Amino acid sequence: MAKFGAKIESDTLVVCGVKFMGETAKILSPKKTVLMPTLQATCSLDLGCKAEDLQLLKDQHPDREVIVYANTSAEVKSIADWVVTSSIALDVVDRLMSEGKKFIWAPDKHLGNYIEKETGADMIVWDGSCVVHEEFKYSGIKSLKKINPDAEVLVHPESPSQVVDLADCVGATSQIINYASGASAKKFIVATDRGIFYQLAKNNPEKEFYEAPTAGNGATCS
């Protein structure tokens, strides 16, 4: 299985995911044919950040650089000065801060607030969120931690700040997977999309992974 964004020799790419993934694949590989099973699969972050609204905010603050998360439409990306994934967002903001930059961040408020807290950046943060990561609840994770006090908590920075504060590791999908493989702990409570569990279990058959409690709707895109 190739990682998203990796070099693939085929002239045709089949992207099984939400619409912005197919658009991003086409941006990165403009000469390739990109096929998707459906264009109806959407993302709450994408839906909650319309290009015309972001353009209006950008026009109101011309002194700020616009940084958008990869989970956005091609139209939104075209407005931005920078497009980042969660794994590189801190590094990009740190670098730009050294140049005295101020920012508009869109669309995920939890990831934006996390970056703002970690870097001290001057940011206007868009009021959007991921429906999957909104599901994780502080009290539920605390209760599961009491039952498994030796378990480490792995959290994606798109989660609410209270959940992030419980984490032993805050990171993107690849960072969480690498952390679990390198950690001495044998048990982990994982607060991100449940699609990650296959790779975690495959890489670490001797370790146990528990899905962090949610509000009841589960931790997966629909």
Protein backbone atom coordinates (compact mmCIF):
# COMPACT_ATOMS: atom_id res chain seq x y z
CA MET A 1 0.00 0.00 0.00
CA ALA A 2 1.46 3.33 -1.04
CA LYS A 3 1.36 6.31 1.29
CA PHE A 4 -0.73 9.27 0.12
CA GLY A 5 1.55 11.61 -1.77
CA ALA A 6 4.16 8.92 -2.49
CA LYS A 7 5.54 8.58 -6.02
CA ILE A 8 3.45 6.08 -8.00
CA GLU A 9 4.42 5.04 -11.53
CA SER A 10 0.90 4.21 -12.76
CA ASP A 11 -0.80 6.77 -15.03
CA THR A 12 -4.12 6.20 -13.22
CA LEU A 13 -4.78 6.69 -9.52
CA VAL A 14 -7.87 5.34 -7.75
CA VAL A 15 -8.54 7.36 -4.59
CA CYS A 16 -10.93 5.77 -2.11
CA GLY A 17 -11.80 8.59 0.27
CA VAL A 18 -13.50 11.95 0.54
CA LYS A 19 -13.64 14.38 -2.38
CA PHE A 20 -10.76 16.65 -1.28
CA MET A 21 -8.40 13.64 -1.33
CA GLY A 22 -9.05 13.10 -5.02
CA GLU A 23 -8.62 16.80 -5.72
CA THR A 24 -5.35 16.86 -3.80
CA ALA A 25 -4.08 13.81 -5.67
CA LYS A 26 -4.79 15.60 -8.96
CA ILE A 27 -2.99 18.76 -7.77
CA LEU A 28 0.08 16.70 -6.82
CA SER A 29 -0.07 14.58 -10.00
CA PRO A 30 -1.66 16.78 -12.70
CA LYS A 31 -0.70 14.48 -15.58
CA LYS A 32 -2.33 11.42 -14.04
CA THR A 33 -5.93 10.30 -14.33
CA VAL A 34 -7.57 10.31 -10.88
CA LEU A 35 -10.64 8.12 -10.35
CA MET A 36 -12.92 8.08 -7.31
CA PRO A 37 -15.72 5.60 -6.48
CA THR A 38 -17.95 8.54 -5.52
CA LEU A 39 -17.85 12.32 -5.29
CA GLN A 40 -20.51 12.31 -2.57
CA ALA A 41 -18.10 11.42 0.26
CA THR A 42 -17.50 14.65 2.15
CA CYS A 43 -15.63 15.99 5.17
CA SER A 44 -17.02 18.31 7.84
CA LEU A 45 -13.88 20.45 7.67
CA ASP A 46 -14.25 20.89 3.92
CA LEU A 47 -17.99 21.58 4.12
CA GLY A 48 -17.51 24.11 6.91
CA CYS A 49 -15.00 26.26 5.01
CA LYS A 50 -16.33 27.80 1.81
CA ALA A 51 -13.87 29.54 -0.50
CA GLU A 52 -15.90 32.73 -0.72
CA ASP A 53 -16.06 33.05 3.07
CA LEU A 54 -12.34 32.47 3.47
CA GLN A 55 -11.63 35.02 0.72
CA LEU A 56 -13.73 37.59 2.60
CA LEU A 57 -11.73 37.00 5.78
CA LYS A 58 -8.48 37.21 3.83
CA ASP A 59 -9.56 40.54 2.30
CA GLN A 60 -10.30 41.88 5.79
CA HIS A 61 -6.79 40.98 7.00
CA PRO A 62 -4.37 41.55 4.09
CA ASP A 63 -1.40 41.62 6.49
CA ARG A 64 -1.82 37.94 7.39
CA GLU A 65 -0.62 34.76 5.69
CA VAL A 66 -3.39 32.22 5.07
CA ILE A 67 -2.60 28.65 6.13
CA VAL A 68 -5.09 25.91 5.42
CA TYR A 69 -5.17 22.30 6.50
CA ALA A 70 -5.05 19.70 3.72
CA ASN A 71 -8.64 18.67 4.51
CA THR A 72 -10.06 21.42 2.27
CA SER A 73 -11.30 21.80 -1.28
CA ALA A 74 -9.05 22.67 -4.19
CA GLU A 75 -10.80 26.05 -4.37
CA VAL A 76 -9.90 26.83 -0.75
CA LYS A 77 -6.33 25.67 -1.30
CA SER A 78 -6.04 28.09 -4.23
CA ILE A 79 -6.74 31.02 -1.86
CA ALA A 80 -4.15 29.96 0.70
CA ASP A 81 -0.52 30.96 0.94
CA TRP A 82 0.34 27.63 2.56
CA VAL A 83 -1.25 24.17 2.66
CA VAL A 84 -0.15 21.89 5.50
CA THR A 85 -0.77 18.48 6.96
CA SER A 86 -0.96 17.96 10.71
CA SER A 87 2.53 16.42 10.67
CA ILE A 88 4.23 19.57 9.32
CA ALA A 89 1.96 22.36 10.56
CA LEU A 90 4.05 23.19 13.65
CA ASP A 91 7.28 23.35 11.65
CA VAL A 92 5.75 25.58 8.98
CA VAL A 93 4.28 28.01 11.52
CA ASP A 94 7.56 28.09 13.49
CA ARG A 95 9.49 28.95 10.33
CA LEU A 96 7.08 31.69 9.27
CA MET A 97 6.98 33.15 12.78
CA SER A 98 10.75 33.63 12.58
CA GLU A 99 10.00 35.94 9.65
CA GLY A 100 7.52 37.96 11.73
CA LYS A 101 4.41 36.57 10.03
CA LYS A 102 0.84 36.62 11.39
CA PHE A 103 -1.76 34.14 10.25
CA ILE A 104 -5.27 33.18 9.34
CA TRP A 105 -5.68 29.47 10.07
CA ALA A 106 -8.45 27.33 8.56
CA PRO A 107 -10.50 25.27 8.93
CA ASP A 108 -9.94 23.13 12.07
CA LYS A 109 -10.17 25.18 15.26
CA HIS A 110 -8.79 22.45 17.52
CA LEU A 111 -5.67 21.95 15.40
CA GLY A 112 -5.34 25.73 15.05
CA ASN A 113 -5.66 26.29 18.78
CA TYR A 114 -3.11 23.54 19.45
CA ILE A 115 -0.61 25.15 17.06
CA GLU A 116 -1.28 28.58 18.55
CA LYS A 117 -0.66 27.23 22.06
CA GLU A 118 2.50 25.37 21.11
CA THR A 119 4.09 28.18 19.08
CA GLY A 120 2.61 31.39 20.48
CA ALA A 121 1.66 32.42 16.94
CA ASP A 122 -0.63 35.38 16.27
CA MET A 123 -3.52 33.54 14.59
CA ILE A 124 -7.09 34.17 13.60
CA VAL A 125 -8.59 30.66 13.84
CA TRP A 126 -11.49 29.54 11.67
CA ASP A 127 -14.42 28.03 13.60
CA GLY A 128 -14.50 24.54 12.09
CA SER A 129 -13.98 21.05 13.44
CA CYS A 130 -13.73 17.38 12.48
CA VAL A 131 -16.89 15.46 13.43
CA VAL A 132 -14.80 12.36 14.18
CA HIS A 133 -12.44 14.03 16.65
CA GLU A 134 -15.25 16.04 18.23
CA GLU A 135 -16.64 12.69 19.38
CA PHE A 136 -13.84 11.96 21.85
CA LYS A 137 -14.75 12.84 25.41
CA TYR A 138 -12.41 13.85 28.23
CA SER A 139 -14.40 12.10 30.96
CA GLY A 140 -14.60 8.83 29.02
CA ILE A 141 -10.86 8.73 28.39
CA LYS A 142 -10.17 9.54 32.05
CA SER A 143 -12.41 6.63 33.11
CA LEU A 144 -10.72 4.22 30.71
CA LYS A 145 -7.33 5.42 31.97
CA LYS A 146 -8.36 4.55 35.54
CA ILE A 147 -9.13 1.00 34.44
CA ASN A 148 -5.84 0.82 32.51
CA PRO A 149 -3.43 3.11 34.39
CA ASP A 150 -0.43 1.73 32.49
CA ALA A 151 -1.93 2.66 29.10
CA GLU A 152 -0.54 5.64 27.21
CA VAL A 153 -2.94 8.01 25.45
CA LEU A 154 -2.39 8.75 21.74
CA VAL A 155 -4.29 11.74 20.37
CA HIS A 156 -4.63 13.58 17.07
CA PRO A 157 -4.35 17.38 17.46
CA GLU A 158 -7.76 17.79 15.79
CA SER A 159 -9.26 16.68 19.11
CA PRO A 160 -10.69 19.15 21.68
CA SER A 161 -8.05 20.72 23.95
CA GLN A 162 -9.17 18.80 27.06
CA VAL A 163 -8.55 15.53 25.23
CA VAL A 164 -5.18 16.73 23.91
CA ASP A 165 -4.14 17.61 27.47
CA LEU A 166 -4.50 13.93 28.46
CA ALA A 167 -2.13 12.72 25.76
CA ASP A 168 1.27 11.10 26.05
CA CYS A 169 1.62 11.59 22.30
CA VAL A 170 -0.06 14.26 20.17
CA GLY A 171 0.54 13.73 16.49
CA ALA A 172 -0.58 12.99 12.96
CA THR A 173 -1.50 9.45 11.93
CA SER A 174 2.06 8.52 10.92
CA GLN A 175 3.47 10.06 14.11
CA ILE A 176 1.04 8.09 16.29
CA ILE A 177 1.91 4.85 14.48
CA ASN A 178 5.65 5.47 14.88
CA TYR A 179 5.28 6.44 18.54
CA ALA A 180 3.37 3.26 19.38
CA SER A 181 6.06 1.13 17.73
CA GLY A 182 8.87 2.83 19.60
CA ALA A 183 7.26 3.16 23.03
CA SER A 184 7.95 0.72 25.84
CA ALA A 185 4.31 0.76 26.92
CA LYS A 186 2.21 -2.29 26.06
CA LYS A 187 -1.22 -0.65 26.20
CA PHE A 188 -2.55 2.42 24.40
CA ILE A 189 -5.78 4.42 24.37
CA VAL A 190 -6.15 5.83 20.87
CA ALA A 191 -8.20 8.96 20.12
CA THR A 192 -8.37 9.23 16.33
CA ASP A 193 -10.21 7.63 13.42
CA ARG A 194 -10.53 3.89 14.00
CA GLY A 195 -9.03 3.20 10.58
CA ILE A 196 -5.62 3.52 12.26
CA PHE A 197 -6.11 0.36 14.34
CA TYR A 198 -5.29 -2.08 11.54
CA GLN A 199 -1.80 -0.64 11.08
CA LEU A 200 -1.21 -0.29 14.82
CA ALA A 201 -2.08 -3.94 15.43
CA LYS A 202 -0.12 -5.11 12.39
CA ASN A 203 3.02 -3.29 13.52
CA ASN A 204 2.66 -4.23 17.18
CA PRO A 205 0.99 -7.64 17.59
CA GLU A 206 2.23 -7.89 21.18
CA LYS A 207 0.57 -4.62 22.24
CA GLU A 208 -3.04 -3.74 23.09
CA PHE A 209 -4.93 -0.79 21.61
CA TYR A 210 -8.18 0.57 23.02
CA GLU A 211 -10.50 2.90 21.14
CA ALA A 212 -11.03 6.08 23.15
CA PRO A 213 -14.65 6.53 24.31
CA THR A 214 -16.83 8.76 22.16
CA ALA A 215 -20.23 10.40 22.49
CA GLY A 216 -21.79 7.33 20.93
CA ASN A 217 -21.53 7.94 17.20
CA GLY A 218 -18.18 6.18 16.81
CA ALA A 219 -14.83 7.40 15.57
CA THR A 220 -15.00 7.15 11.83
CA CYS A 221 -15.92 9.26 8.83
CA SER A 222 -19.30 8.45 7.32
